[in-house]
Amino acid sequence: MVKSKLVIVATHPIQYHAPWYRELAKQNGIDLTVLFGMQPNAEQQSTGFGTSFCWDIPLTEGYQWQQLENKSTDPNLFGFSGVDCPGIYQALKQLSPDAIVITGWHSKLLFQALWAAKRLGIKMIMRGESNAKKPRPWYVSLAHRLLLARYHAFLAIGHSNRRFFLNNGVASERIFRAPYFIENQRFIDDASSDAASSDAASSDAAKLRRTLPRRTLPSDDFCFVYAGKLILKKNVKELLSAFALSYRENERIQMLIIGDGELRDELESYVDKHLLPVSFFGFVNQKALPNTYTLGDCFVLASDYDETWGLVVNEAMACGLPAIVSNRAGSSDDLIIEGKTGYVYQYGDPQELAKKMLLMASDKAQVTQMGQQAREHVVNNFNVHITVQATLDALAFID
């Protein structure tokens, strides 16, 4: 049994990380404290989402945490200096942990945590999202190599993240598989919570589809779903271009766009211009999200390199949807088993994406089977228990 006083440093509470913290806190021998640099308000949380909101599920329950003082003159979640907590040195000195997990290097706080832990002689574990898919200049790779050399162990969220660490000089024995996951059971339960039977589920989905804005087709048409911010890196314009090509071949398809963002007006104009059966649902909070996924038959993510993973794919799969994912999205190597849980397409090729969409729409029974296989894949291979065990293994390794 691992015995360790552990600190995790994060910029702010994140819905995908909270289950990891809660489960770690339950482990015998683990004394966990999470240090947050910021508790964003509704406006600060809205960056990229296109609307102000607060998450409707608890993010700070079930584990010990402390709030650091953010000294930034412009507190925010999008800029490097938006979370600036020089007091982390004193916090770590007072807590005196055996080890610290630092969740990336995208914020000043995370470098402050690295520097403080180094000065205090605390062993460090890295859990970052960067992957090997994105081409980088030599000097950026050099900076990564120098940064990662300071850490004692690494938690890899997926295959490409592991390759990133290996490519930057990290020894394989220092890397532990800690797959990116969501609360699988919550999504499974909530996706079916309003239905006592599959017939009821179909009826509810059909009823909700009829209430959607821009609804033009019968509720039993094959429905593709996208969920996420309507921002450049998500490449939704290419997705809509592929859908337009698909619609020319099969008029019994439709698309649901879940989310909001700066590109929404442009995307809606494109849909109007091409007379496409696409419904913009807007932002959906966590509690309603699973049932919203069930309105669709297949999920599609067309993101560029900056999509280091794409946890929306995990969410959709937990709700029983297969997925078509761009080869540039970090999760494509892990979540997509070609022809079984979905398909990968080459980013920048809407014609190929359209072919994969038409293939999905041609056999709804097969898609249902693929959705079941997708759910089993994320439940069995991308869950909190694997990531917690990886964290314990990393702690034992550096002990």
Protein backbone atom coordinates (compact mmCIF):
# COMPACT_ATOMS: atom_id res chain seq x y z
CA MET A 1 0.00 0.00 0.00
CA VAL A 2 1.31 3.43 -0.99
CA LYS A 3 1.53 5.94 1.83
CA SER A 4 1.99 9.48 0.67
CA LYS A 5 1.10 13.05 1.45
CA LEU A 6 0.15 14.33 -1.99
CA VAL A 7 -0.57 17.76 -3.40
CA ILE A 8 -2.11 18.37 -6.82
CA VAL A 9 -1.84 21.86 -8.31
CA ALA A 10 -4.45 23.06 -10.82
CA THR A 11 -5.41 26.46 -12.17
CA HIS A 12 -9.09 25.98 -11.23
CA PRO A 13 -11.69 23.29 -10.56
CA ILE A 14 -12.37 21.29 -13.73
CA GLN A 15 -15.33 18.95 -14.15
CA TYR A 16 -13.17 16.23 -15.69
CA HIS A 17 -10.58 16.26 -12.88
CA ALA A 18 -12.86 16.30 -9.84
CA PRO A 19 -13.64 12.52 -9.98
CA TRP A 20 -9.89 11.80 -9.99
CA TYR A 21 -9.41 13.92 -6.87
CA ARG A 22 -12.36 12.32 -5.09
CA GLU A 23 -11.25 8.78 -5.82
CA LEU A 24 -7.64 9.50 -4.82
CA ALA A 25 -8.87 10.94 -1.53
CA LYS A 26 -10.55 7.61 -0.75
CA GLN A 27 -7.34 5.60 -1.08
CA ASN A 28 -5.83 4.22 2.11
CA GLY A 29 -2.53 5.89 2.87
CA ILE A 30 -3.13 8.90 0.63
CA ASP A 31 -3.41 12.32 2.27
CA LEU A 32 -4.49 14.53 -0.62
CA THR A 33 -4.78 18.30 -0.87
CA VAL A 34 -5.60 20.08 -4.13
CA LEU A 35 -4.36 23.65 -4.54
CA PHE A 36 -6.41 25.87 -6.87
CA GLY A 37 -5.19 29.15 -8.25
CA MET A 38 -8.61 30.52 -9.08
CA GLN A 39 -12.33 29.97 -8.58
CA PRO A 40 -13.74 31.49 -11.78
CA ASN A 41 -17.05 33.33 -11.68
CA ALA A 42 -19.70 32.86 -14.37
CA GLU A 43 -18.16 35.46 -16.67
CA GLN A 44 -14.59 34.18 -16.26
CA GLN A 45 -15.79 30.60 -16.85
CA SER A 46 -17.39 31.63 -20.13
CA THR A 47 -14.16 31.99 -22.13
CA GLY A 48 -14.74 30.29 -25.48
CA PHE A 49 -18.21 29.03 -24.51
CA GLY A 50 -20.02 32.13 -25.75
CA THR A 51 -22.20 32.43 -22.65
CA SER A 52 -21.71 33.05 -18.93
CA PHE A 53 -22.46 30.07 -16.71
CA CYS A 54 -21.50 28.07 -13.65
CA TRP A 55 -21.21 24.29 -13.77
CA ASP A 56 -24.29 22.60 -12.33
CA ILE A 57 -22.43 19.68 -10.73
CA PRO A 58 -20.21 19.87 -7.60
CA LEU A 59 -16.51 20.26 -8.41
CA THR A 60 -14.98 20.76 -4.95
CA GLU A 61 -16.71 18.10 -2.86
CA GLY A 62 -15.22 14.85 -1.62
CA TYR A 63 -11.61 15.93 -1.17
CA GLN A 64 -9.50 18.51 0.67
CA TRP A 65 -8.59 21.65 -1.20
CA GLN A 66 -7.17 25.10 -0.61
CA GLN A 67 -7.57 28.33 -2.53
CA LEU A 68 -4.37 30.19 -3.29
CA GLU A 69 -4.35 33.97 -3.62
CA ASN A 70 -4.32 34.98 -7.27
CA LYS A 71 -2.18 38.11 -7.64
CA SER A 72 -2.90 38.56 -11.36
CA THR A 73 -4.05 42.05 -12.31
CA ASP A 74 -6.36 40.42 -14.87
CA PRO A 75 -7.57 37.07 -13.44
CA ASN A 76 -8.57 34.79 -16.30
CA LEU A 77 -8.31 31.23 -17.61
CA PHE A 78 -7.02 31.94 -21.12
CA GLY A 79 -3.77 33.87 -20.64
CA PHE A 80 -0.48 32.58 -19.24
CA SER A 81 -0.45 35.20 -16.48
CA GLY A 82 -4.15 34.99 -15.66
CA VAL A 83 -3.40 32.76 -12.65
CA ASP A 84 -0.41 34.08 -10.68
CA CYS A 85 0.03 32.67 -7.17
CA PRO A 86 3.48 33.37 -5.68
CA GLY A 87 2.13 32.20 -2.32
CA ILE A 88 2.32 28.61 -3.49
CA TYR A 89 5.83 28.34 -2.05
CA GLN A 90 4.56 29.00 1.47
CA ALA A 91 1.56 26.73 0.92
CA LEU A 92 3.79 23.84 -0.12
CA LYS A 93 6.25 24.53 2.67
CA GLN A 94 3.41 24.38 5.19
CA LEU A 95 1.82 21.25 3.72
CA SER A 96 5.21 19.53 3.33
CA PRO A 97 4.00 16.86 0.87
CA ASP A 98 5.98 13.83 -0.24
CA ALA A 99 5.05 14.49 -3.85
CA ILE A 100 3.26 16.98 -6.05
CA VAL A 101 1.31 16.49 -9.28
CA ILE A 102 1.45 19.48 -11.62
CA THR A 103 -1.24 19.56 -14.31
CA GLY A 104 0.64 21.03 -17.27
CA TRP A 105 2.67 24.14 -18.06
CA HIS A 106 0.12 26.44 -19.69
CA SER A 107 -0.13 28.81 -16.72
CA LYS A 108 2.26 30.88 -14.62
CA LEU A 109 0.94 29.12 -11.52
CA LEU A 110 2.17 25.76 -12.79
CA PHE A 111 5.70 27.10 -13.30
CA GLN A 112 5.52 28.66 -9.84
CA ALA A 113 4.58 25.22 -8.49
CA LEU A 114 7.52 23.62 -10.31
CA TRP A 115 9.98 26.19 -8.96
CA ALA A 116 8.62 25.98 -5.42
CA ALA A 117 8.70 22.18 -5.38
CA LYS A 118 12.26 22.19 -6.73
CA ARG A 119 13.42 24.56 -3.99
CA LEU A 120 11.69 22.52 -1.31
CA GLY A 121 12.99 19.18 -2.56
CA ILE A 122 9.51 17.78 -3.30
CA LYS A 123 9.31 15.04 -5.92
CA MET A 124 7.24 15.99 -8.93
CA ILE A 125 4.83 14.16 -11.22
CA MET A 126 3.64 15.68 -14.50
CA ARG A 127 0.17 15.22 -15.90
CA GLY A 128 -0.02 17.34 -19.05
CA GLU A 129 -2.09 17.09 -22.24
CA SER A 130 0.44 17.81 -25.00
CA ASN A 131 0.79 15.11 -27.64
CA ALA A 132 3.13 14.13 -30.45
CA LYS A 133 0.72 14.94 -33.27
CA LYS A 134 1.43 18.66 -33.54
CA PRO A 135 4.61 19.69 -35.43
CA ARG A 136 6.80 22.02 -33.37
CA PRO A 137 9.91 24.11 -34.11
CA TRP A 138 13.18 22.69 -32.76
CA TYR A 139 13.45 25.38 -30.10
CA VAL A 140 10.01 24.56 -28.68
CA SER A 141 10.95 20.87 -28.50
CA LEU A 142 14.18 21.85 -26.77
CA ALA A 143 12.24 23.88 -24.21
CA HIS A 144 9.93 20.91 -23.61
CA ARG A 145 12.90 18.59 -23.17
CA LEU A 146 14.52 20.89 -20.61
CA LEU A 147 11.24 21.35 -18.74
CA LEU A 148 10.33 17.66 -18.57
CA ALA A 149 13.80 16.71 -17.36
CA ARG A 150 12.89 18.26 -14.01
CA TYR A 151 10.10 15.76 -13.29
CA HIS A 152 10.40 12.36 -11.65
CA ALA A 153 7.37 10.59 -13.16
CA PHE A 154 4.66 11.18 -15.76
CA LEU A 155 0.98 10.32 -16.11
CA ALA A 156 0.16 9.75 -19.79
CA ILE A 157 -3.42 10.48 -20.82
CA GLY A 158 -3.11 8.55 -24.09
CA HIS A 159 -0.83 7.02 -26.72
CA SER A 160 0.16 10.28 -28.39
CA ASN A 161 0.76 11.97 -25.03
CA ARG A 162 3.08 9.08 -24.13
CA ARG A 163 4.93 9.49 -27.46
CA PHE A 164 5.32 13.20 -26.69
CA PHE A 165 7.06 12.36 -23.42
CA LEU A 166 9.25 9.71 -25.05
CA ASN A 167 10.19 12.03 -27.91
CA ASN A 168 11.35 14.59 -25.37
CA GLY A 169 13.76 12.33 -23.53
CA VAL A 170 11.55 10.78 -20.84
CA ALA A 171 12.46 7.16 -20.05
CA SER A 172 9.59 4.75 -20.63
CA GLU A 173 9.72 3.37 -17.08
CA ARG A 174 8.86 6.84 -15.76
CA ILE A 175 5.59 6.99 -17.72
CA PHE A 176 2.36 5.54 -16.32
CA ARG A 177 -0.86 5.09 -18.27
CA ALA A 178 -3.47 7.39 -16.72
CA PRO A 179 -6.09 7.65 -19.48
CA TYR A 180 -8.29 10.69 -19.87
CA PHE A 181 -11.76 9.81 -18.70
CA ILE A 182 -15.15 11.21 -17.75
CA GLU A 183 -17.68 10.11 -15.14
CA ASN A 184 -18.80 7.20 -17.31
CA GLN A 185 -21.51 5.92 -15.00
CA ARG A 186 -23.06 9.35 -14.51
CA PHE A 187 -23.35 9.81 -18.27
CA ILE A 188 -24.75 6.30 -18.73
CA ASP A 189 -27.29 6.76 -15.95
CA ASP A 190 -28.31 10.29 -16.96
CA ALA A 191 -28.60 9.35 -20.62
CA SER A 192 -31.35 6.88 -19.75
CA SER A 193 -32.76 8.40 -16.55
CA ASP A 194 -35.93 9.71 -18.18
CA ALA A 195 -36.84 6.45 -19.84
CA ALA A 196 -38.19 3.24 -18.39
CA SER A 197 -37.64 1.39 -21.65
CA SER A 198 -35.94 1.75 -25.01
CA ASP A 199 -39.31 2.68 -26.55
CA ALA A 200 -39.72 5.45 -24.01
CA ALA A 201 -36.19 6.62 -24.72
CA SER A 202 -36.92 6.81 -28.44
CA SER A 203 -40.15 8.67 -27.76
CA ASP A 204 -38.42 11.21 -25.51
CA ALA A 205 -35.67 11.76 -28.05
CA ALA A 206 -38.18 12.27 -30.87
CA LYS A 207 -40.19 14.71 -28.75
CA LEU A 208 -37.11 16.76 -27.90
CA ARG A 209 -35.90 16.76 -31.49
CA ARG A 210 -39.19 18.33 -32.60
CA THR A 211 -38.57 21.24 -30.21
CA LEU A 212 -35.17 22.05 -31.64
CA PRO A 213 -34.63 25.35 -33.46
CA ARG A 214 -34.26 25.11 -37.25
CA ARG A 215 -35.94 21.68 -37.17
CA THR A 216 -36.84 20.71 -40.75
CA LEU A 217 -36.73 16.93 -41.05
CA PRO A 218 -38.64 13.99 -39.53
CA SER A 219 -37.43 12.95 -36.11
CA ASP A 220 -36.38 9.49 -37.31
CA ASP A 221 -33.74 10.78 -39.74
CA PHE A 222 -30.14 9.86 -38.97
CA CYS A 223 -28.68 12.54 -36.69
CA PHE A 224 -25.03 13.54 -36.39
CA VAL A 225 -23.99 15.40 -33.25
CA TYR A 226 -21.22 17.85 -32.46
CA ALA A 227 -20.67 19.20 -28.93
CA GLY A 228 -18.15 21.84 -27.92
CA LYS A 229 -17.13 25.43 -28.23
CA LEU A 230 -17.76 27.10 -31.58
CA ILE A 231 -14.20 28.31 -31.96
CA LEU A 232 -11.55 28.01 -34.67
CA LYS A 233 -9.62 24.96 -33.41
CA LYS A 234 -12.80 22.86 -33.40
CA ASN A 235 -12.99 23.17 -37.21
CA VAL A 236 -16.81 23.11 -37.28
CA LYS A 237 -16.84 24.82 -40.69
CA GLU A 238 -15.17 21.75 -42.21
CA LEU A 239 -17.69 19.56 -40.41
CA LEU A 240 -20.55 21.53 -41.92
CA SER A 241 -18.91 21.38 -45.37
CA ALA A 242 -18.72 17.60 -45.09
CA PHE A 243 -22.31 17.46 -43.90
CA ALA A 244 -23.38 19.54 -46.91
CA LEU A 245 -21.65 17.03 -49.23
CA SER A 246 -23.33 14.16 -47.40
CA TYR A 247 -26.74 15.80 -47.59
CA ARG A 248 -26.50 15.94 -51.38
CA GLU A 249 -26.32 12.14 -51.38
CA ASN A 250 -28.70 11.39 -48.52
CA GLU A 251 -31.50 13.77 -47.58
CA ARG A 252 -32.51 11.65 -44.62
CA ILE A 253 -29.76 13.01 -42.39
CA GLN A 254 -29.58 15.96 -40.02
CA MET A 255 -27.12 17.50 -37.58
CA LEU A 256 -27.30 18.83 -34.03
CA ILE A 257 -24.74 21.40 -32.86
CA ILE A 258 -24.45 21.54 -29.06
CA GLY A 259 -22.52 24.55 -27.79
CA ASP A 260 -21.90 28.19 -28.41
CA GLY A 261 -19.01 30.51 -29.19
CA GLU A 262 -17.62 33.31 -31.28
CA LEU A 263 -18.21 31.54 -34.63
CA ARG A 264 -21.88 30.77 -34.11
CA ASP A 265 -23.23 33.58 -36.32
CA GLU A 266 -20.87 32.62 -39.14
CA LEU A 267 -21.81 28.96 -38.88
CA GLU A 268 -25.53 29.71 -38.81
CA SER A 269 -25.12 31.89 -41.89
CA TYR A 270 -23.42 28.99 -43.68
CA VAL A 271 -26.29 26.69 -42.74
CA ASP A 272 -28.86 29.23 -43.99
CA LYS A 273 -27.00 29.80 -47.24
CA HIS A 274 -26.82 26.09 -48.04
CA LEU A 275 -30.29 25.24 -46.68
CA LEU A 276 -28.93 22.53 -44.40
CA PRO A 277 -30.99 20.68 -41.76
CA VAL A 278 -28.77 21.70 -38.87
CA SER A 279 -30.08 22.64 -35.40
CA PHE A 280 -28.05 24.88 -33.10
CA PHE A 281 -28.93 23.83 -29.57
CA GLY A 282 -26.70 26.29 -27.71
CA PHE A 283 -24.77 25.72 -24.49
CA VAL A 284 -25.88 22.72 -22.42
CA ASN A 285 -24.69 22.26 -18.84
CA GLN A 286 -23.49 18.96 -17.38
CA LYS A 287 -26.75 17.62 -15.95
CA ALA A 288 -28.67 17.90 -19.22
CA LEU A 289 -25.77 16.95 -21.49
CA PRO A 290 -26.16 13.13 -21.48
CA ASN A 291 -29.80 13.25 -22.58
CA THR A 292 -28.88 15.76 -25.27
CA TYR A 293 -26.30 13.38 -26.73
CA THR A 294 -28.98 10.70 -27.03
CA LEU A 295 -30.80 12.85 -29.58
CA GLY A 296 -28.12 11.78 -32.04
CA ASP A 297 -26.90 8.59 -33.67
CA CYS A 298 -23.24 9.41 -34.30
CA PHE A 299 -20.81 11.97 -32.89
CA VAL A 300 -18.35 13.91 -35.07
CA LEU A 301 -15.24 15.86 -34.01
CA ALA A 302 -13.26 17.61 -36.75
CA SER A 303 -10.71 19.42 -34.55
CA ASP A 304 -7.20 20.61 -35.40
CA TYR A 305 -3.96 19.84 -33.51
CA ASP A 306 -4.88 22.09 -30.58
CA GLU A 307 -7.49 19.52 -29.55
CA THR A 308 -5.05 17.73 -27.26
CA TRP A 309 -7.67 15.05 -26.50
CA GLY A 310 -11.40 15.79 -26.90
CA LEU A 311 -13.26 14.47 -23.88
CA VAL A 312 -16.56 15.11 -25.66
CA VAL A 313 -15.81 11.91 -27.55
CA ASN A 314 -15.66 10.02 -24.24
CA GLU A 315 -18.96 11.62 -23.27
CA ALA A 316 -20.70 10.70 -26.50
CA MET A 317 -19.40 7.13 -26.39
CA ALA A 318 -20.56 6.69 -22.78
CA CYS A 319 -24.01 7.71 -24.06
CA GLY A 320 -23.89 4.98 -26.70
CA LEU A 321 -22.74 6.92 -29.79
CA PRO A 322 -19.90 5.86 -32.10
CA ALA A 323 -17.72 8.69 -33.36
CA ILE A 324 -15.93 10.00 -36.42
CA VAL A 325 -12.83 11.90 -35.31
CA SER A 326 -10.15 13.93 -37.06
CA ASN A 327 -6.69 12.33 -37.11
CA ARG A 328 -5.34 15.52 -35.50
CA ALA A 329 -7.46 15.21 -32.35
CA GLY A 330 -5.48 13.63 -29.52
CA SER A 331 -8.07 11.00 -28.68
CA SER A 332 -8.26 9.53 -32.19
CA ASP A 333 -5.45 7.03 -31.51
CA ASP A 334 -7.10 5.74 -28.34
CA LEU A 335 -10.87 5.97 -28.58
CA ILE A 336 -11.39 5.02 -32.22
CA ILE A 337 -11.12 1.36 -33.14
CA GLU A 338 -11.71 1.58 -36.88
CA GLY A 339 -15.05 0.12 -37.87
CA LYS A 340 -15.83 -0.93 -34.31
CA THR A 341 -16.19 2.25 -32.22
CA GLY A 342 -16.07 4.69 -35.13
CA TYR A 343 -13.81 6.03 -37.86
CA VAL A 344 -10.84 8.39 -38.19
CA TYR A 345 -10.65 10.79 -41.13
CA GLN A 346 -7.83 12.98 -42.43
CA TYR A 347 -8.13 16.56 -41.21
CA GLY A 348 -8.61 18.99 -44.08
CA ASP A 349 -10.43 16.48 -46.28
CA PRO A 350 -14.18 17.13 -46.04
CA GLN A 351 -14.78 14.68 -48.89
CA GLU A 352 -13.34 11.83 -46.81
CA LEU A 353 -15.33 12.96 -43.79
CA ALA A 354 -18.48 13.02 -45.92
CA LYS A 355 -17.81 9.44 -47.05
CA LYS A 356 -17.47 8.31 -43.44
CA MET A 357 -20.67 10.12 -42.50
CA LEU A 358 -22.57 8.51 -45.37
CA LEU A 359 -21.18 5.12 -44.38
CA MET A 360 -22.50 5.63 -40.85
CA ALA A 361 -25.92 6.79 -42.04
CA SER A 362 -26.30 3.81 -44.40
CA ASP A 363 -26.80 1.23 -41.65
CA LYS A 364 -28.45 2.42 -38.45
CA ALA A 365 -28.47 -1.07 -36.93
CA GLN A 366 -24.72 -1.35 -37.34
CA VAL A 367 -24.29 2.12 -35.85
CA THR A 368 -26.29 1.05 -32.81
CA GLN A 369 -23.95 -1.92 -32.38
CA MET A 370 -20.90 0.32 -32.80
CA GLY A 371 -22.34 2.64 -30.16
CA GLN A 372 -22.60 -0.24 -27.72
CA GLN A 373 -18.99 -1.21 -28.45
CA ALA A 374 -17.90 2.40 -28.01
CA ARG A 375 -19.58 2.53 -24.61
CA GLU A 376 -17.88 -0.69 -23.52
CA HIS A 377 -14.52 0.65 -24.74
CA VAL A 378 -14.60 3.84 -22.67
CA VAL A 379 -16.09 2.14 -19.62
CA ASN A 380 -13.50 -0.64 -19.57
CA ASN A 381 -10.40 1.23 -20.71
CA PHE A 382 -10.89 4.92 -19.86
CA ASN A 383 -12.06 5.20 -16.29
CA VAL A 384 -11.12 6.81 -12.99
CA HIS A 385 -9.90 3.56 -11.43
CA ILE A 386 -7.13 3.07 -14.02
CA THR A 387 -5.98 6.67 -13.59
CA VAL A 388 -6.00 6.46 -9.79
CA GLN A 389 -3.98 3.23 -9.92
CA ALA A 390 -1.49 4.89 -12.30
CA THR A 391 -1.13 7.76 -9.82
CA LEU A 392 -0.45 5.28 -7.01
CA ASP A 393 2.07 3.43 -9.19
CA ALA A 394 3.85 6.68 -10.00
CA LEU A 395 3.99 7.57 -6.29
CA ALA A 396 5.45 4.15 -5.48
CA PHE A 397 8.00 4.55 -8.29
CA ILE A 398 9.36 7.86 -6.99
CA ASP A 399 9.24 6.87 -3.33
